Amino acid sequence: MLSVFISEEDIKKRVAELGKEISNDYKGEEIVVVVLLRGSFIFTADLVRVIESDVIVDFMVVSSYQGMETSGEVRIFKDLAENIHGRHVLIVEDIVDTGLTLTKILDVMNSRNPKSLRTCSLLSKPSRRIKEVDIKYVGFTIEDKFVVGYGLDLDQKYRQIPYIAEVTE
């Protein structure tokens, strides 16, 4: 069963605000935006359209989930094509709950010596943190609910929903 948790209108408004904040922080600078697939592709597409700096987009495929549970193991299935050495990098994630995936990706990215490394997540669930991680730009902080839509999925379903929905059994 799905119920609207964050409306399409609220998402659009928050993405525009995040875009302005990121544009101000990177004024006149080129940014390599690293899209963590698959869940963040819709969020990132909307976000980069409102960022006023030059944006280079690259993708990583990572996963730590099976169904509704995290496996605890972060796997990288596809790495970046871009060289990020000496460049401003913004990692875009759909949701940060345990912090394990983002911690692993930050370690990998830091080893490549970017000029700066920041993170942006549509959703944050601090009550589920196992690893504390600094998220510079947060769309929404939510309680511990399983959500889908706007790119987030349950077994590859529901990504196309234009809002965030809570999954109830």
Foldseek 3Di string as FASTA:
>chain_A
DKDFDFDLVLLLVLLLVLLVVVLVVQPAFEEEEEEADDQCPLSVVSNVVNHPYHYHYWYWYWAQDDFQDGVLDIDTPGDTPDQQAQGHYEYEEAEDAQCSNVVVVVVVVVVSHHVYYAYEYAEYADVRYPDDDDHPHYNYYDHPFRKEECRRDGVPPRPPHSGIITDDD
